[in-house]
Amino acid sequence: ESRRMMAMTEMAAMLIVWDSDIYSYGKELAREPDGRQHSLCAWIHHRRGLAQEDTVREAIALRNSVFSLYLRLREDMLSDAAPDVRDYIRGLDGYVRGGFHWIQNNDRYRFRNGVDGERAYEGGDLANALPPDDGTPIPVPALAWWWEHDPLRRGAGHRAPSLPVAAPAGA
């Protein structure tokens, strides 16, 4: 019943989908160069007409904005959450982290042919922190409602948390 919890749940699911879209974009583009992909990157490419590298950069920026919001909302909700809500949030954290590791280590995403051989991407490791985020909603109307629950919108008195990529152990 909590809209904030629904937003966090949707963000967690979207982060996994978008991570898989970002990791697989080069491979998918090589397989279907005529632009028949259905992914975040394909949407950005068709909407903005960007080159592959710029498309990936923009997809990562959108993903990072959502992840920053997720982490702000997470910190805010954990500050006064009941034990069962804390457990649910920790479950979402595990889902996001587990999904990321699965995508990063799965041959389907790692190799161009999905099995072995030529790598589909370089880099893609976890960072220690996300880039700074000012709390501006992403330009996707169906998802912009998540920012209605952003703790940054409470005013200047609320300080944005530091944004580690992974939840601290025992959090």
Protein backbone atom coordinates (compact mmCIF):
# COMPACT_ATOMS: atom_id res chain seq x y z
CA GLU A 1 0.00 0.00 0.00
CA SER A 2 2.99 2.29 0.38
CA ARG A 3 3.63 4.32 -2.78
CA ARG A 4 7.25 4.84 -1.64
CA MET A 5 7.74 1.08 -1.35
CA MET A 6 6.07 0.53 -4.72
CA ALA A 7 8.45 3.08 -6.24
CA MET A 8 11.46 1.30 -4.72
CA THR A 9 10.21 -2.07 -5.93
CA GLU A 10 9.69 -0.77 -9.46
CA MET A 11 13.11 0.90 -9.41
CA ALA A 12 14.81 -2.34 -8.34
CA ALA A 13 13.16 -4.25 -11.18
CA MET A 14 13.93 -1.50 -13.70
CA LEU A 15 17.58 -1.35 -12.66
CA ILE A 16 18.03 -5.04 -13.49
CA VAL A 17 16.26 -4.71 -16.84
CA TRP A 18 18.25 -1.61 -17.76
CA ASP A 19 21.55 -3.17 -16.69
CA SER A 20 20.87 -6.13 -18.98
CA ASP A 21 19.91 -3.72 -21.79
CA ILE A 22 23.16 -1.77 -21.36
CA TYR A 23 25.37 -4.85 -21.17
CA SER A 24 23.75 -6.50 -24.18
CA TYR A 25 23.37 -3.43 -26.42
CA GLY A 26 26.56 -3.88 -28.46
CA LYS A 27 25.82 -7.53 -29.06
CA GLU A 28 22.19 -6.88 -29.94
CA LEU A 29 23.16 -4.07 -32.31
CA ALA A 30 25.63 -6.38 -34.08
CA ARG A 31 22.93 -9.04 -34.46
CA GLU A 32 20.15 -6.67 -35.54
CA PRO A 33 21.82 -3.63 -37.14
CA ASP A 34 18.53 -2.44 -38.63
CA GLY A 35 17.37 -1.26 -35.22
CA ARG A 36 14.72 -3.82 -34.31
CA GLN A 37 15.87 -4.12 -30.70
CA HIS A 38 13.51 -3.47 -27.82
CA SER A 39 15.58 -2.04 -25.00
CA LEU A 40 16.45 1.13 -23.15
CA CYS A 41 19.39 1.71 -25.46
CA ALA A 42 17.31 1.16 -28.60
CA TRP A 43 14.69 3.59 -27.26
CA ILE A 44 17.36 6.23 -26.63
CA HIS A 45 18.97 5.63 -30.03
CA HIS A 46 15.67 5.94 -31.91
CA ARG A 47 14.44 8.86 -29.85
CA ARG A 48 17.64 10.89 -30.01
CA GLY A 49 19.55 9.45 -32.98
CA LEU A 50 22.78 9.09 -31.01
CA ALA A 51 25.85 7.05 -31.90
CA GLN A 52 26.35 3.76 -30.03
CA GLU A 53 28.79 5.14 -27.43
CA ASP A 54 26.63 8.19 -26.72
CA THR A 55 23.54 5.99 -26.49
CA VAL A 56 25.24 3.80 -23.88
CA ARG A 57 26.43 6.87 -21.95
CA GLU A 58 22.90 8.26 -21.83
CA ALA A 59 21.45 4.89 -20.80
CA ILE A 60 23.99 4.69 -17.98
CA ALA A 61 23.13 8.25 -16.90
CA LEU A 62 19.41 7.36 -16.73
CA ARG A 63 20.20 4.18 -14.82
CA ASN A 64 22.43 6.08 -12.39
CA SER A 65 19.69 8.68 -11.78
CA VAL A 66 17.25 5.92 -10.89
CA PHE A 67 19.83 4.18 -8.71
CA SER A 68 20.63 7.44 -6.91
CA LEU A 69 16.94 7.96 -6.18
CA TYR A 70 16.63 4.34 -5.01
CA LEU A 71 19.49 4.84 -2.56
CA ARG A 72 18.11 8.13 -1.23
CA LEU A 73 14.68 6.64 -0.74
CA ARG A 74 16.22 3.50 0.79
CA GLU A 75 18.14 5.52 3.37
CA ASP A 76 15.09 7.61 4.18
CA MET A 77 12.79 4.61 4.59
CA LEU A 78 15.28 2.62 6.67
CA SER A 79 15.56 5.51 9.15
CA ASP A 80 12.21 4.62 10.75
CA ALA A 81 11.17 1.32 9.16
CA ALA A 82 9.54 -1.56 10.97
CA PRO A 83 11.58 -4.80 10.98
CA ASP A 84 9.53 -6.41 8.20
CA VAL A 85 9.96 -3.33 6.01
CA ARG A 86 13.72 -3.38 6.68
CA ASP A 87 13.80 -7.03 5.61
CA TYR A 88 11.89 -6.24 2.43
CA ILE A 89 14.26 -3.40 1.55
CA ARG A 90 17.26 -5.65 2.18
CA GLY A 91 15.61 -8.18 -0.14
CA LEU A 92 15.35 -5.50 -2.85
CA ASP A 93 19.02 -4.64 -2.28
CA GLY A 94 19.98 -8.29 -2.74
CA TYR A 95 17.85 -8.52 -5.86
CA VAL A 96 19.57 -5.51 -7.44
CA ARG A 97 23.06 -6.63 -6.51
CA GLY A 98 22.41 -10.26 -7.46
CA GLY A 99 20.90 -9.26 -10.78
CA PHE A 100 23.88 -7.07 -11.56
CA HIS A 101 26.35 -9.85 -10.75
CA TRP A 102 24.37 -12.38 -12.77
CA ILE A 103 24.32 -10.09 -15.82
CA GLN A 104 28.00 -9.25 -15.44
CA ASN A 105 29.08 -12.89 -15.12
CA ASN A 106 26.63 -14.62 -17.45
CA ASP A 107 28.03 -15.80 -20.79
CA ARG A 108 24.83 -14.58 -22.47
CA TYR A 109 25.94 -11.01 -21.83
CA ARG A 110 29.71 -11.45 -21.62
CA PHE A 111 30.28 -12.94 -25.08
CA ARG A 112 29.03 -11.78 -28.48
CA ASN A 113 27.72 -15.23 -29.36
CA GLY A 114 26.34 -15.79 -25.84
CA VAL A 115 28.59 -18.78 -25.23
CA ASP A 116 32.32 -18.01 -25.52
CA GLY A 117 34.95 -16.27 -27.64
CA GLU A 118 34.83 -12.56 -28.44
CA ARG A 119 33.79 -10.39 -25.50
CA ALA A 120 30.71 -8.24 -25.96
CA TYR A 121 31.93 -5.38 -23.75
CA GLU A 122 34.91 -4.11 -21.79
CA GLY A 123 34.83 -2.79 -18.25
CA GLY A 124 31.47 -2.69 -16.55
CA ASP A 125 32.74 -3.27 -13.03
CA LEU A 126 31.17 -1.85 -9.89
CA ALA A 127 32.21 1.66 -8.94
CA ASN A 128 32.74 2.92 -5.41
CA ALA A 129 30.20 5.71 -5.83
CA LEU A 130 27.68 7.06 -8.28
CA PRO A 131 28.19 10.40 -10.02
CA PRO A 132 26.56 13.38 -8.27
CA ASP A 133 22.80 13.58 -8.80
CA ASP A 134 20.64 16.65 -8.25
CA GLY A 135 17.35 14.78 -8.00
CA THR A 136 15.98 15.82 -11.38
CA PRO A 137 13.41 13.25 -12.59
CA ILE A 138 14.36 11.32 -15.70
CA PRO A 139 12.48 12.28 -18.90
CA VAL A 140 10.27 9.19 -18.91
CA PRO A 141 6.73 10.25 -17.94
CA ALA A 142 5.64 6.77 -16.83
CA LEU A 143 8.50 6.66 -14.30
CA ALA A 144 8.76 10.31 -13.25
CA TRP A 145 6.27 9.75 -10.39
CA TRP A 146 9.04 7.99 -8.46
CA TRP A 147 10.62 11.40 -7.83
CA GLU A 148 7.47 12.55 -5.99
CA HIS A 149 8.87 10.49 -3.10
CA ASP A 150 12.44 11.76 -3.34
CA PRO A 151 13.69 12.92 0.08
CA LEU A 152 15.51 15.76 -1.71
CA ARG A 153 12.12 17.33 -2.41
CA ARG A 154 11.54 17.98 1.28
CA GLY A 155 13.61 21.13 1.05
CA ALA A 156 17.07 22.42 1.67
CA GLY A 157 17.13 20.97 5.20
CA HIS A 158 17.49 17.44 3.89
CA ARG A 159 21.06 16.52 3.04
CA ALA A 160 21.59 14.04 0.23
CA PRO A 161 23.27 10.86 1.45
CA SER A 162 26.56 9.64 0.11
CA LEU A 163 25.73 7.14 -2.59
CA PRO A 164 27.65 3.87 -2.33
CA VAL A 165 26.90 1.52 -5.18
CA ALA A 166 26.34 -1.47 -2.91
CA ALA A 167 24.60 -1.51 0.44
CA PRO A 168 27.08 -1.79 3.31
CA ALA A 169 27.36 -5.21 4.90
CA GLY A 170 24.87 -5.61 7.70
CA ALA A 171 22.80 -2.61 6.59
